[in-house]
């Protein structure tokens, strides 16, 4: 190949990659197309795995799934009944309050960037890019979902931009938890007059309208004073070992 042509191609590729990295206009369709390919790949893999499981573990697997489905359906009906009775109680007392929470199972597609385990692209039907969603994994808080190039991006707890409102300990001390790209999380802006102790449990407060109240986040490892407030270092309960599926909170009430 002609050396001049080779040099031109190398310069062109470098300029294109640079423009792709820094330009959100170029990134958006590229990310969209790439995520569609990844989604198709995951669908194909799941289809093949399902067929294999049907042949090898069909009877036992179906029996276990039916048992779980019956249990989940029963719990779902109980929760629906409770929500209905609470709403009736609000209406009977002329209250404007109501409860109609919506939780949905969503699938992880891939990490947003190689080497960053705290950011994951999600597949969310009817995604509203103007909202921030709460992210849950097996009843534990996993992080939040934000819009990146109008696509759903999960920021797991340890990401520095992941933050939400919490209560600390039995005194329900209010604070804001966020990640710092390290193993543990930080709870900041806890008023100084609250008594915070090591091993106190940290739960969501629900005041940010992202999460329900009292979802488990972690436990306190240490506390320090800082300019009229307290900061707590906490160990998160959720560990991002195999992030395939999550639940998102579409609405708290």
Protein backbone atom coordinates (compact mmCIF):
# COMPACT_ATOMS: atom_id res chain seq x y z
CA UNK A 1 0.00 0.00 0.00
CA UNK A 2 1.20 3.51 -0.84
CA UNK A 3 2.78 5.15 2.24
CA UNK A 4 0.95 8.43 1.59
CA UNK A 5 -2.39 6.65 1.46
CA UNK A 6 -1.58 4.71 4.63
CA UNK A 7 -0.64 7.93 6.46
CA UNK A 8 -3.85 9.57 5.28
CA UNK A 9 -5.92 6.63 6.54
CA UNK A 10 -4.20 6.67 9.95
CA UNK A 11 -4.76 10.43 10.34
CA UNK A 12 -8.41 10.05 9.27
CA UNK A 13 -9.02 7.23 11.78
CA UNK A 14 -7.36 9.25 14.57
CA UNK A 15 -9.50 12.32 13.78
CA UNK A 16 -12.66 10.21 13.61
CA UNK A 17 -11.96 8.52 16.97
CA UNK A 18 -11.18 11.89 18.54
CA UNK A 19 -14.40 13.39 17.24
CA UNK A 20 -16.33 10.34 18.42
CA UNK A 21 -14.87 10.59 21.91
CA UNK A 22 -15.53 14.30 22.41
CA UNK A 23 -18.73 14.84 20.39
CA UNK A 24 -22.04 13.81 21.97
CA UNK A 25 -23.72 14.29 18.54
CA UNK A 26 -21.59 11.50 17.07
CA UNK A 27 -21.68 9.37 20.20
CA UNK A 28 -25.46 9.15 20.49
CA UNK A 29 -26.25 7.20 17.27
CA UNK A 30 -23.09 5.12 17.70
CA UNK A 31 -24.06 4.13 21.27
CA UNK A 32 -27.64 3.46 20.18
CA UNK A 33 -26.55 1.13 17.38
CA UNK A 34 -23.99 -0.61 19.56
CA UNK A 35 -26.51 -1.19 22.34
CA UNK A 36 -28.98 -2.68 19.86
CA UNK A 37 -26.31 -5.14 18.73
CA UNK A 38 -25.52 -6.01 22.35
CA UNK A 39 -29.21 -6.43 23.15
CA UNK A 40 -29.65 -8.79 20.19
CA UNK A 41 -26.59 -10.74 21.35
CA UNK A 42 -28.01 -11.10 24.89
CA UNK A 43 -31.40 -12.19 23.48
CA UNK A 44 -29.71 -14.84 21.36
CA UNK A 45 -27.59 -16.15 24.24
CA UNK A 46 -30.61 -16.28 26.56
CA UNK A 47 -32.64 -18.10 23.89
CA UNK A 48 -29.92 -20.73 23.44
CA UNK A 49 -29.47 -21.15 27.21
CA UNK A 50 -33.21 -21.48 27.67
CA UNK A 51 -33.40 -24.23 25.03
CA UNK A 52 -30.50 -26.10 26.62
CA UNK A 53 -32.06 -25.83 30.06
CA UNK A 54 -35.39 -27.03 28.69
CA UNK A 55 -33.76 -30.24 27.48
CA UNK A 56 -31.48 -30.89 30.45
CA UNK A 57 -33.33 -29.54 33.45
CA UNK A 58 -36.83 -29.09 32.06
CA UNK A 59 -38.99 -30.86 34.62
CA UNK A 60 -37.15 -29.74 37.74
CA UNK A 61 -36.61 -26.22 36.44
CA UNK A 62 -40.26 -25.73 35.54
CA UNK A 63 -41.35 -27.03 38.93
CA UNK A 64 -39.04 -24.58 40.74
CA UNK A 65 -40.14 -21.67 38.57
CA UNK A 66 -43.82 -22.47 39.10
CA UNK A 67 -43.27 -22.54 42.84
CA UNK A 68 -41.49 -19.17 42.76
CA UNK A 69 -44.12 -17.71 40.45
CA UNK A 70 -46.92 -18.77 42.78
CA UNK A 71 -45.09 -17.23 45.73
CA UNK A 72 -44.39 -13.99 43.89
CA UNK A 73 -47.95 -13.76 42.59
CA UNK A 74 -49.27 -14.27 46.10
CA UNK A 75 -46.98 -11.57 47.49
CA UNK A 76 -47.90 -9.26 44.63
CA UNK A 77 -51.61 -9.72 45.30
CA UNK A 78 -51.12 -9.09 49.00
CA UNK A 79 -49.21 -5.89 48.28
CA UNK A 80 -51.87 -4.78 45.80
CA UNK A 81 -54.54 -5.37 48.41
CA UNK A 82 -52.62 -3.40 51.02
CA UNK A 83 -52.06 -0.53 48.58
CA UNK A 84 -55.75 -0.55 47.68
CA UNK A 85 -56.81 -0.44 51.33
CA UNK A 86 -54.38 2.38 52.10
CA UNK A 87 -55.66 4.40 49.15
CA UNK A 88 -59.25 3.79 50.31
CA UNK A 89 -58.27 4.96 53.79
CA UNK A 90 -56.74 8.14 52.36
CA UNK A 91 -59.87 8.77 50.28
CA UNK A 92 -62.22 8.16 53.20
CA UNK A 93 -60.36 10.74 55.25
CA UNK A 94 -60.35 13.25 52.38
CA UNK A 95 -56.59 12.98 52.03
CA UNK A 96 -54.82 13.86 48.79
CA UNK A 97 -52.19 11.19 49.53
CA UNK A 98 -52.13 7.97 47.51
CA UNK A 99 -49.79 5.04 46.98
CA UNK A 100 -49.25 3.45 43.58
CA UNK A 101 -45.62 2.30 43.39
CA UNK A 102 -44.28 0.86 40.14
CA UNK A 103 -41.26 -1.45 40.01
CA UNK A 104 -39.97 -3.09 36.83
CA UNK A 105 -37.36 -5.72 35.97
CA UNK A 106 -34.70 -4.46 33.53
CA UNK A 107 -31.66 -6.01 31.90
CA UNK A 108 -28.03 -4.90 31.93
CA UNK A 109 -26.49 -4.71 28.43
CA UNK A 110 -22.82 -3.92 29.01
CA UNK A 111 -20.38 -1.75 30.90
CA UNK A 112 -20.32 1.79 29.55
CA UNK A 113 -16.53 1.88 29.44
CA UNK A 114 -13.91 -0.84 29.68
CA UNK A 115 -12.40 -0.95 33.18
CA UNK A 116 -15.19 1.06 34.83
CA UNK A 117 -17.37 -1.41 36.76
CA UNK A 118 -19.63 1.29 38.19
CA UNK A 119 -21.43 2.33 34.98
CA UNK A 120 -23.69 -0.01 33.03
CA UNK A 121 -25.96 0.48 30.04
CA UNK A 122 -29.48 -0.81 30.69
CA UNK A 123 -32.31 -1.94 28.47
CA UNK A 124 -35.46 -0.12 29.66
CA UNK A 125 -38.68 -0.13 27.60
CA UNK A 126 -40.51 3.21 27.38
CA UNK A 127 -37.54 5.00 28.92
CA UNK A 128 -38.12 8.58 30.10
CA UNK A 129 -34.78 10.38 29.84
CA UNK A 130 -36.00 13.31 31.96
CA UNK A 131 -36.26 11.20 35.14
CA UNK A 132 -33.82 9.68 37.63
CA UNK A 133 -34.74 6.14 38.66
CA UNK A 134 -33.84 4.13 41.74
CA UNK A 135 -31.96 0.89 41.02
CA UNK A 136 -32.46 -2.22 43.19
CA UNK A 137 -30.85 -5.65 43.22
CA UNK A 138 -32.51 -8.33 45.38
CA UNK A 139 -34.07 -5.75 47.71
CA UNK A 140 -30.76 -3.91 48.17
CA UNK A 141 -30.03 -0.44 46.80
CA UNK A 142 -27.66 -0.78 43.85
CA UNK A 143 -27.50 2.82 42.61
CA UNK A 144 -29.44 5.17 40.36
CA UNK A 145 -30.27 5.43 36.66
CA UNK A 146 -29.60 8.64 34.75
CA UNK A 147 -29.76 9.67 31.10
CA UNK A 148 -26.54 9.65 29.08
CA UNK A 149 -27.02 10.61 25.42
CA UNK A 150 -30.74 9.98 26.14
CA UNK A 151 -29.95 6.34 26.95
CA UNK A 152 -30.46 4.70 30.39
CA UNK A 153 -27.14 4.52 32.23
CA UNK A 154 -26.89 2.84 35.64
CA UNK A 155 -24.57 4.54 38.12
CA UNK A 156 -23.86 1.91 40.75
CA UNK A 157 -23.40 2.93 44.37
CA UNK A 158 -19.65 3.40 44.18
CA UNK A 159 -19.79 5.83 41.24
CA UNK A 160 -18.94 9.36 42.35
CA UNK A 161 -22.09 10.77 40.70
CA UNK A 162 -24.44 8.29 42.36
CA UNK A 163 -26.24 10.03 45.25
CA UNK A 164 -29.58 9.83 47.06
CA UNK A 165 -31.18 10.64 50.42
CA UNK A 166 -30.76 8.28 53.39
CA UNK A 167 -31.40 7.86 57.10
CA UNK A 168 -28.63 6.69 59.45
CA UNK A 169 -29.20 4.66 62.61
CA UNK A 170 -32.19 4.35 64.92
CA UNK A 171 -32.44 8.13 65.26
CA UNK A 172 -33.11 8.41 61.51
CA UNK A 173 -30.37 10.99 61.03
CA UNK A 174 -30.78 12.47 57.52
CA UNK A 175 -27.92 12.57 55.06
CA UNK A 176 -26.88 12.23 51.42
CA UNK A 177 -24.96 9.13 50.35
CA UNK A 178 -22.65 9.08 47.37
CA UNK A 179 -19.86 6.98 45.96
CA UNK A 180 -16.22 7.96 45.65
CA UNK A 181 -14.99 5.32 43.20
CA UNK A 182 -13.69 3.30 46.14
CA UNK A 183 -14.85 0.25 48.11
CA UNK A 184 -16.91 2.18 50.66
CA UNK A 185 -19.52 4.95 50.38
CA UNK A 186 -19.82 8.32 52.11
CA UNK A 187 -22.83 9.83 53.86
CA UNK A 188 -22.45 13.61 54.10
CA UNK A 189 -24.38 16.51 55.65
CA UNK A 190 -25.57 14.58 58.71
CA UNK A 191 -26.55 17.19 61.35
CA UNK A 192 -24.04 17.30 64.21
CA UNK A 193 -26.63 16.81 66.98
CA UNK A 194 -27.53 13.26 65.89
CA UNK A 195 -25.83 10.38 67.68
CA UNK A 196 -24.22 8.20 65.00
CA UNK A 197 -22.41 4.99 65.92
CA UNK A 198 -20.34 2.33 64.17
CA UNK A 199 -22.54 -0.51 62.79
CA UNK A 200 -25.59 1.76 62.52
CA UNK A 201 -27.64 0.74 59.51
CA UNK A 202 -28.14 3.12 56.58
CA UNK A 203 -31.45 3.00 54.70
CA UNK A 204 -33.16 5.14 52.08
CA UNK A 205 -35.34 7.96 53.39
CA UNK A 206 -37.60 8.25 50.34
CA UNK A 207 -37.44 12.05 50.58
CA UNK A 208 -35.79 12.35 47.17
CA UNK A 209 -38.68 10.50 45.46
CA UNK A 210 -36.16 8.14 43.89
CA UNK A 211 -36.45 5.22 46.32
CA UNK A 212 -39.00 3.82 48.73
CA UNK A 213 -38.33 4.46 52.40
CA UNK A 214 -36.26 1.92 54.40
CA UNK A 215 -34.49 0.10 51.55
CA UNK A 216 -31.15 -1.19 52.83
CA UNK A 217 -27.96 0.58 51.73
CA UNK A 218 -25.18 -0.43 54.16
CA UNK A 219 -23.74 -0.02 57.65
CA UNK A 220 -21.53 2.61 59.29
CA UNK A 221 -17.79 1.92 59.56
CA UNK A 222 -16.62 5.29 60.95
CA UNK A 223 -17.85 8.81 61.72
CA UNK A 224 -16.10 12.19 61.74
CA UNK A 225 -17.11 15.82 62.34
CA UNK A 226 -16.87 18.28 59.47
CA UNK A 227 -17.87 21.99 59.61
CA UNK A 228 -21.01 21.62 61.70
CA UNK A 229 -21.98 18.32 60.11
CA UNK A 230 -20.98 14.68 60.42
CA UNK A 231 -19.63 12.46 57.66
CA UNK A 232 -20.01 8.69 57.85
CA UNK A 233 -18.06 6.09 55.90
CA UNK A 234 -20.30 3.10 55.20
CA UNK A 235 -19.87 -0.39 53.82
CA UNK A 236 -22.50 -1.02 51.10
CA UNK A 237 -24.59 -4.19 51.21
CA UNK A 238 -24.82 -4.50 47.43
CA UNK A 239 -21.83 -6.05 45.69
CA UNK A 240 -21.73 -5.77 41.88
CA UNK A 241 -20.48 -9.30 41.20
CA UNK A 242 -22.76 -10.38 38.36
CA UNK A 243 -24.91 -7.45 37.18
CA UNK A 244 -27.35 -9.05 34.73
CA UNK A 245 -30.77 -7.94 35.93
CA UNK A 246 -32.01 -5.18 38.23
CA UNK A 247 -35.31 -3.66 39.28
CA UNK A 248 -35.94 0.03 38.69
CA UNK A 249 -38.46 2.14 40.59
CA UNK A 250 -40.55 3.92 37.98
CA UNK A 251 -42.63 5.70 40.60
CA UNK A 252 -42.56 5.80 44.40
CA UNK A 253 -46.25 6.70 44.86
